[in-house]
């Protein structure tokens, strides 16, 4: 399995987040569902490692979502 990076994590999570928001799911549930799916795919330890070591995570996450589905920000 490839090493999980911040970019790959945010791309995966933002896709799920945007898909949930398109279905009318609220923001918090959309974030939690996307995070849960990332845990299923890469394992909780890997996801937590990337999140813990990510500089400016909030900025990177917002930028990723803004690029994919700006209408949901």
PDB file of N, CA and C in Angstrom:
ATOM      1  N   UNK A   1       0.845  -1.177   0.000  1.00  0.00           N
ATOM      2  CA  UNK A   1       0.000   0.000   0.000  1.00  0.00           C
ATOM      3  C   UNK A   1       0.888   1.236   0.000  1.00  0.00           C
ATOM      4  N   UNK A   2       0.482   2.235  -0.761  1.00  0.00           N
ATOM      5  CA  UNK A   2       1.235   3.489  -0.829  1.00  0.00           C
ATOM      6  C   UNK A   2       1.149   4.225   0.502  1.00  0.00           C
ATOM      7  N   UNK A   3       2.165   5.031   0.777  1.00  0.00           N
ATOM      8  CA  UNK A   3       2.188   5.820   1.996  1.00  0.00           C
ATOM      9  C   UNK A   3       1.140   6.916   1.897  1.00  0.00           C
ATOM     10  N   UNK A   4       0.376   7.075   2.967  1.00  0.00           N
ATOM     11  CA  UNK A   4      -0.638   8.112   3.019  1.00  0.00           C
ATOM     12  C   UNK A   4       0.030   9.461   3.242  1.00  0.00           C
ATOM     13  N   UNK A   5      -0.326  10.437   2.425  1.00  0.00           N
ATOM     14  CA  UNK A   5       0.192  11.792   2.569  1.00  0.00           C
ATOM     15  C   UNK A   5      -0.978  12.736   2.849  1.00  0.00           C
ATOM     16  N   UNK A   6      -0.659  13.944   3.262  1.00  0.00           N
ATOM     17  CA  UNK A   6      -1.700  14.929   3.515  1.00  0.00           C
ATOM     18  C   UNK A   6      -2.508  15.200   2.253  1.00  0.00           C
ATOM     19  N   UNK A   7      -1.841  15.324   1.136  1.00  0.00           N
ATOM     20  CA  UNK A   7      -2.538  15.606  -0.123  1.00  0.00           C
ATOM     21  C   UNK A   7      -3.511  14.483  -0.474  1.00  0.00           C
ATOM     22  N   UNK A   8      -3.056  13.241  -0.387  1.00  0.00           N
ATOM     23  CA  UNK A   8      -3.949  12.130  -0.735  1.00  0.00           C
ATOM     24  C   UNK A   8      -5.103  12.026   0.258  1.00  0.00           C
ATOM     25  N   UNK A   9      -4.829  12.258   1.536  1.00  0.00           N
ATOM     26  CA  UNK A   9      -5.896  12.219   2.536  1.00  0.00           C
ATOM     27  C   UNK A   9      -6.935  13.304   2.256  1.00  0.00           C
ATOM     28  N   UNK A  10      -6.486  14.538   2.039  1.00  0.00           N
ATOM     29  CA  UNK A  10      -7.425  15.632   1.808  1.00  0.00           C
ATOM     30  C   UNK A  10      -8.208  15.453   0.510  1.00  0.00           C
ATOM     31  N   UNK A  11      -7.582  14.942  -0.518  1.00  0.00           N
ATOM     32  CA  UNK A  11      -8.305  14.683  -1.769  1.00  0.00           C
ATOM     33  C   UNK A  11      -9.394  13.638  -1.569  1.00  0.00           C
ATOM     34  N   UNK A  12      -9.083  12.578  -0.832  1.00  0.00           N
ATOM     35  CA  UNK A  12     -10.055  11.524  -0.565  1.00  0.00           C
ATOM     36  C   UNK A  12     -11.195  12.051   0.299  1.00  0.00           C
ATOM     37  N   UNK A  13     -10.845  12.704   1.394  1.00  0.00           N
ATOM     38  CA  UNK A  13     -11.856  13.202   2.332  1.00  0.00           C
ATOM     39  C   UNK A  13     -12.728  14.270   1.674  1.00  0.00           C
ATOM     40  N   UNK A  14     -12.127  15.166   0.907  1.00  0.00           N
ATOM     41  CA  UNK A  14     -12.924  16.226   0.284  1.00  0.00           C
ATOM     42  C   UNK A  14     -13.918  15.661  -0.720  1.00  0.00           C
ATOM     43  N   UNK A  15     -13.545  14.607  -1.412  1.00  0.00           N
ATOM     44  CA  UNK A  15     -14.482  13.968  -2.339  1.00  0.00           C
ATOM     45  C   UNK A  15     -15.702  13.428  -1.624  1.00  0.00           C
ATOM     46  N   UNK A  16     -15.466  12.721  -0.517  1.00  0.00           N
ATOM     47  CA  UNK A  16     -16.582  12.199   0.274  1.00  0.00           C
ATOM     48  C   UNK A  16     -17.385  13.324   0.918  1.00  0.00           C
ATOM     49  N   UNK A  17     -16.688  14.360   1.415  1.00  0.00           N
ATOM     50  CA  UNK A  17     -17.362  15.493   2.031  1.00  0.00           C
ATOM     51  C   UNK A  17     -18.295  16.153   1.019  1.00  0.00           C
ATOM     52  N   UNK A  18     -17.791  16.438  -0.166  1.00  0.00           N
ATOM     53  CA  UNK A  18     -18.595  17.108  -1.193  1.00  0.00           C
ATOM     54  C   UNK A  18     -19.781  16.243  -1.615  1.00  0.00           C
ATOM     55  N   UNK A  19     -19.565  14.952  -1.750  1.00  0.00           N
ATOM     56  CA  UNK A  19     -20.655  14.048  -2.139  1.00  0.00           C
ATOM     57  C   UNK A  19     -21.755  14.043  -1.076  1.00  0.00           C
ATOM     58  N   UNK A  20     -21.381  14.023   0.184  1.00  0.00           N
ATOM     59  CA  UNK A  20     -22.372  14.051   1.261  1.00  0.00           C
ATOM     60  C   UNK A  20     -23.123  15.374   1.272  1.00  0.00           C
ATOM     61  N   UNK A  21     -22.384  16.472   1.113  1.00  0.00           N
ATOM     62  CA  UNK A  21     -23.021  17.796   1.104  1.00  0.00           C
ATOM     63  C   UNK A  21     -23.973  17.927  -0.089  1.00  0.00           C
ATOM     64  N   UNK A  22     -23.616  17.341  -1.238  1.00  0.00           N
ATOM     65  CA  UNK A  22     -24.499  17.361  -2.407  1.00  0.00           C
ATOM     66  C   UNK A  22     -25.826  16.665  -2.113  1.00  0.00           C
ATOM     67  N   UNK A  23     -25.800  15.693  -1.208  1.00  0.00           N
ATOM     68  CA  UNK A  23     -27.010  14.960  -0.828  1.00  0.00           C
ATOM     69  C   UNK A  23     -27.780  15.653   0.288  1.00  0.00           C
ATOM     70  N   UNK A  24     -27.273  16.792   0.759  1.00  0.00           N
ATOM     71  CA  UNK A  24     -27.972  17.544   1.791  1.00  0.00           C
ATOM     72  C   UNK A  24     -27.592  17.191   3.217  1.00  0.00           C
ATOM     73  N   UNK A  25     -26.566  16.380   3.384  1.00  0.00           N
ATOM     74  CA  UNK A  25     -26.097  16.022   4.724  1.00  0.00           C
ATOM     75  C   UNK A  25     -25.428  17.258   5.339  1.00  0.00           C
ATOM     76  N   UNK A  26     -25.652  17.490   6.633  1.00  0.00           N
ATOM     77  CA  UNK A  26     -25.076  18.687   7.250  1.00  0.00           C
ATOM     78  C   UNK A  26     -23.552  18.594   7.327  1.00  0.00           C
ATOM     79  N   UNK A  27     -22.920  19.730   7.606  1.00  0.00           N
ATOM     80  CA  UNK A  27     -21.462  19.844   7.544  1.00  0.00           C
ATOM     81  C   UNK A  27     -20.766  18.878   8.499  1.00  0.00           C
ATOM     82  N   UNK A  28     -21.173  18.856   9.765  1.00  0.00           N
ATOM     83  CA  UNK A  28     -20.490  18.001  10.739  1.00  0.00           C
ATOM     84  C   UNK A  28     -20.603  16.532  10.366  1.00  0.00           C
ATOM     85  N   UNK A  29     -21.795  16.085  10.012  1.00  0.00           N
ATOM     86  CA  UNK A  29     -21.962  14.679   9.615  1.00  0.00           C
ATOM     87  C   UNK A  29     -21.129  14.371   8.374  1.00  0.00           C
ATOM     88  N   UNK A  30     -21.077  15.306   7.445  1.00  0.00           N
ATOM     89  CA  UNK A  30     -20.291  15.092   6.229  1.00  0.00           C
ATOM     90  C   UNK A  30     -18.809  14.930   6.547  1.00  0.00           C
ATOM     91  N   UNK A  31     -18.291  15.771   7.433  1.00  0.00           N
ATOM     92  CA  UNK A  31     -16.886  15.670   7.839  1.00  0.00           C
ATOM     93  C   UNK A  31     -16.632  14.332   8.533  1.00  0.00           C
ATOM     94  N   UNK A  32     -17.494  13.978   9.467  1.00  0.00           N
ATOM     95  CA  UNK A  32     -17.289  12.738  10.224  1.00  0.00           C
ATOM     96  C   UNK A  32     -17.402  11.506   9.343  1.00  0.00           C
ATOM     97  N   UNK A  33     -18.343  11.504   8.426  1.00  0.00           N
ATOM     98  CA  UNK A  33     -18.466  10.365   7.505  1.00  0.00           C
ATOM     99  C   UNK A  33     -17.232  10.237   6.611  1.00  0.00           C
ATOM    100  N   UNK A  34     -16.748  11.358   6.115  1.00  0.00           N
ATOM    101  CA  UNK A  34     -15.557  11.337   5.261  1.00  0.00           C
ATOM    102  C   UNK A  34     -14.339  10.860   6.041  1.00  0.00           C
ATOM    103  N   UNK A  35     -14.181  11.338   7.267  1.00  0.00           N
ATOM    104  CA  UNK A  35     -13.075  10.905   8.127  1.00  0.00           C
ATOM    105  C   UNK A  35     -13.178   9.400   8.416  1.00  0.00           C
ATOM    106  N   UNK A  36     -14.383   8.935   8.680  1.00  0.00           N
ATOM    107  CA  UNK A  36     -14.592   7.512   8.958  1.00  0.00           C
ATOM    108  C   UNK A  36     -14.208   6.652   7.756  1.00  0.00           C
ATOM    109  N   UNK A  37     -14.575   7.104   6.561  1.00  0.00           N
ATOM    110  CA  UNK A  37     -14.214   6.357   5.343  1.00  0.00           C
ATOM    111  C   UNK A  37     -12.699   6.350   5.120  1.00  0.00           C
ATOM    112  N   UNK A  38     -12.048   7.462   5.451  1.00  0.00           N
ATOM    113  CA  UNK A  38     -10.586   7.503   5.343  1.00  0.00           C
ATOM    114  C   UNK A  38      -9.956   6.508   6.310  1.00  0.00           C
ATOM    115  N   UNK A  39     -10.500   6.414   7.518  1.00  0.00           N
ATOM    116  CA  UNK A  39     -10.008   5.419   8.478  1.00  0.00           C
ATOM    117  C   UNK A  39     -10.176   4.014   7.936  1.00  0.00           C
ATOM    118  N   UNK A  40     -11.324   3.743   7.321  1.00  0.00           N
ATOM    119  CA  UNK A  40     -11.567   2.420   6.738  1.00  0.00           C
ATOM    120  C   UNK A  40     -10.550   2.113   5.641  1.00  0.00           C
ATOM    121  N   UNK A  41     -10.230   3.102   4.837  1.00  0.00           N
ATOM    122  CA  UNK A  41      -9.333   2.874   3.699  1.00  0.00           C
ATOM    123  C   UNK A  41      -7.871   2.737   4.118  1.00  0.00           C
ATOM    124  N   UNK A  42      -7.382   3.641   4.978  1.00  0.00           N
ATOM    125  CA  UNK A  42      -5.956   3.671   5.299  1.00  0.00           C
ATOM    126  C   UNK A  42      -5.623   3.230   6.714  1.00  0.00           C
ATOM    127  N   UNK A  43      -6.627   3.036   7.529  1.00  0.00           N
ATOM    128  CA  UNK A  43      -6.377   2.662   8.921  1.00  0.00           C
ATOM    129  C   UNK A  43      -6.252   3.901   9.797  1.00  0.00           C
ATOM    130  N   UNK A  44      -6.824   3.803  10.965  1.00  0.00           N
ATOM    131  CA  UNK A  44      -6.854   4.932  11.883  1.00  0.00           C
ATOM    132  C   UNK A  44      -5.485   5.462  12.260  1.00  0.00           C
ATOM    133  N   UNK A  45      -4.520   4.572  12.472  1.00  0.00           N
ATOM    134  CA  UNK A  45      -3.181   5.022  12.856  1.00  0.00           C
ATOM    135  C   UNK A  45      -2.551   5.902  11.776  1.00  0.00           C
ATOM    136  N   UNK A  46      -2.699   5.510  10.518  1.00  0.00           N
ATOM    137  CA  UNK A  46      -2.136   6.301   9.422  1.00  0.00           C
ATOM    138  C   UNK A  46      -2.829   7.652   9.289  1.00  0.00           C
ATOM    139  N   UNK A  47      -4.137   7.652   9.389  1.00  0.00           N
ATOM    140  CA  UNK A  47      -4.884   8.902   9.264  1.00  0.00           C
ATOM    141  C   UNK A  47      -4.515   9.846  10.406  1.00  0.00           C
ATOM    142  N   UNK A  48      -4.470   9.336  11.630  1.00  0.00           N
ATOM    143  CA  UNK A  48      -4.095  10.170  12.777  1.00  0.00           C
ATOM    144  C   UNK A  48      -2.668  10.687  12.645  1.00  0.00           C
ATOM    145  N   UNK A  49      -1.757   9.888  12.119  1.00  0.00           N
ATOM    146  CA  UNK A  49      -0.371  10.318  11.928  1.00  0.00           C
ATOM    147  C   UNK A  49      -0.301  11.504  10.979  1.00  0.00           C
ATOM    148  N   UNK A  50      -1.006  11.410   9.865  1.00  0.00           N
ATOM    149  CA  UNK A  50      -0.985  12.495   8.887  1.00  0.00           C
ATOM    150  C   UNK A  50      -1.607  13.758   9.484  1.00  0.00           C
ATOM    151  N   UNK A  51      -2.726  13.611  10.156  1.00  0.00           N
ATOM    152  CA  UNK A  51      -3.396  14.772  10.753  1.00  0.00           C
ATOM    153  C   UNK A  51      -2.515  15.408  11.823  1.00  0.00           C
ATOM    154  N   UNK A  52      -1.917  14.596  12.665  1.00  0.00           N
ATOM    155  CA  UNK A  52      -1.074  15.100  13.751  1.00  0.00           C
ATOM    156  C   UNK A  52       0.134  15.852  13.224  1.00  0.00           C
ATOM    157  N   UNK A  53       0.723  15.384  12.140  1.00  0.00           N
ATOM    158  CA  UNK A  53       1.956  15.973  11.612  1.00  0.00           C
ATOM    159  C   UNK A  53       1.726  17.037  10.543  1.00  0.00           C
ATOM    160  N   UNK A  54       0.475  17.356  10.257  1.00  0.00           N
ATOM    161  CA  UNK A  54       0.175  18.296   9.174  1.00  0.00           C
ATOM    162  C   UNK A  54       0.289  19.739   9.648  1.00  0.00           C
ATOM    163  N   UNK A  55       1.161  20.515   9.007  1.00  0.00           N
ATOM    164  CA  UNK A  55       1.197  21.946   9.315  1.00  0.00           C
ATOM    165  C   UNK A  55       0.033  22.646   8.606  1.00  0.00           C
ATOM    166  N   UNK A  56      -0.588  23.583   9.259  1.00  0.00           N
ATOM    167  CA  UNK A  56      -1.680  24.377   8.674  1.00  0.00           C
ATOM    168  C   UNK A  56      -2.768  23.503   8.059  1.00  0.00           C
ATOM    169  N   UNK A  57      -3.185  22.490   8.792  1.00  0.00           N
ATOM    170  CA  UNK A  57      -4.190  21.546   8.289  1.00  0.00           C
ATOM    171  C   UNK A  57      -5.478  22.252   7.880  1.00  0.00           C
ATOM    172  N   UNK A  58      -5.930  23.202   8.679  1.00  0.00           N
ATOM    173  CA  UNK A  58      -7.191  23.883   8.385  1.00  0.00           C
ATOM    174  C   UNK A  58      -7.135  24.599   7.029  1.00  0.00           C
ATOM    175  N   UNK A  59      -6.037  25.270   6.770  1.00  0.00           N
ATOM    176  CA  UNK A  59      -5.880  26.005   5.516  1.00  0.00           C
ATOM    177  C   UNK A  59      -5.873  25.036   4.347  1.00  0.00           C
ATOM    178  N   UNK A  60      -5.130  23.959   4.469  1.00  0.00           N
ATOM    179  CA  UNK A  60      -5.048  22.973   3.391  1.00  0.00           C
ATOM    180  C   UNK A  60      -6.404  22.309   3.148  1.00  0.00           C
ATOM    181  N   UNK A  61      -7.131  22.002   4.213  1.00  0.00           N
ATOM    182  CA  UNK A  61      -8.440  21.362   4.075  1.00  0.00           C
ATOM    183  C   UNK A  61      -9.438  22.296   3.397  1.00  0.00           C
ATOM    184  N   UNK A  62      -9.466  23.538   3.818  1.00  0.00           N
ATOM    185  CA  UNK A  62     -10.399  24.500   3.212  1.00  0.00           C
ATOM    186  C   UNK A  62     -10.050  24.720   1.744  1.00  0.00           C
ATOM    187  N   UNK A  63      -8.777  24.822   1.429  1.00  0.00           N
ATOM    188  CA  UNK A  63      -8.364  25.013   0.035  1.00  0.00           C
ATOM    189  C   UNK A  63      -8.775  23.822  -0.827  1.00  0.00           C
ATOM    190  N   UNK A  64      -8.649  22.634  -0.290  1.00  0.00           N
ATOM    191  CA  UNK A  64      -9.011  21.432  -1.049  1.00  0.00           C
ATOM    192  C   UNK A  64     -10.512  21.397  -1.317  1.00  0.00           C
ATOM    193  N   UNK A  65     -11.309  21.697  -0.294  1.00  0.00           N
ATOM    194  CA  UNK A  65     -12.763  21.720  -0.480  1.00  0.00           C
ATOM    195  C   UNK A  65     -13.174  22.864  -1.412  1.00  0.00           C
ATOM    196  N   UNK A  66     -12.530  23.999  -1.277  1.00  0.00           N
ATOM    197  CA  UNK A  66     -12.847  25.144  -2.134  1.00  0.00           C
ATOM    198  C   UNK A  66     -12.604  24.815  -3.602  1.00  0.00           C
ATOM    199  N   UNK A  67     -11.603  24.007  -3.863  1.00  0.00           N
ATOM    200  CA  UNK A  67     -11.318  23.614  -5.239  1.00  0.00           C
ATOM    201  C   UNK A  67     -12.334  22.613  -5.775  1.00  0.00           C
ATOM    202  N   UNK A  68     -12.868  21.767  -4.889  1.00  0.00           N
ATOM    203  CA  UNK A  68     -13.776  20.706  -5.325  1.00  0.00           C
ATOM    204  C   UNK A  68     -15.238  21.114  -5.319  1.00  0.00           C
ATOM    205  N   UNK A  69     -15.655  21.771  -4.259  1.00  0.00           N
ATOM    206  CA  UNK A  69     -17.079  22.128  -4.135  1.00  0.00           C
ATOM    207  C   UNK A  69     -17.239  23.423  -3.353  1.00  0.00           C
ATOM    208  N   UNK A  70     -16.842  24.535  -3.951  1.00  0.00           N
ATOM    209  CA  UNK A  70     -16.885  25.822  -3.243  1.00  0.00           C
ATOM    210  C   UNK A  70     -18.291  26.213  -2.788  1.00  0.00           C
ATOM    211  N   UNK A  71     -19.306  25.694  -3.424  1.00  0.00           N
ATOM    212  CA  UNK A  71     -20.670  26.027  -3.042  1.00  0.00           C
ATOM    213  C   UNK A  71     -21.031  25.508  -1.651  1.00  0.00           C
ATOM    214  N   UNK A  72     -20.218  24.624  -1.089  1.00  0.00           N
ATOM    215  CA  UNK A  72     -20.517  24.056   0.235  1.00  0.00           C
ATOM    216  C   UNK A  72     -19.728  24.685   1.355  1.00  0.00           C
ATOM    217  N   UNK A  73     -18.999  25.748   1.074  1.00  0.00           N
ATOM    218  CA  UNK A  73     -18.264  26.429   2.137  1.00  0.00           C
ATOM    219  C   UNK A  73     -19.077  27.576   2.694  1.00  0.00           C
TER     220      UNK A  73
END
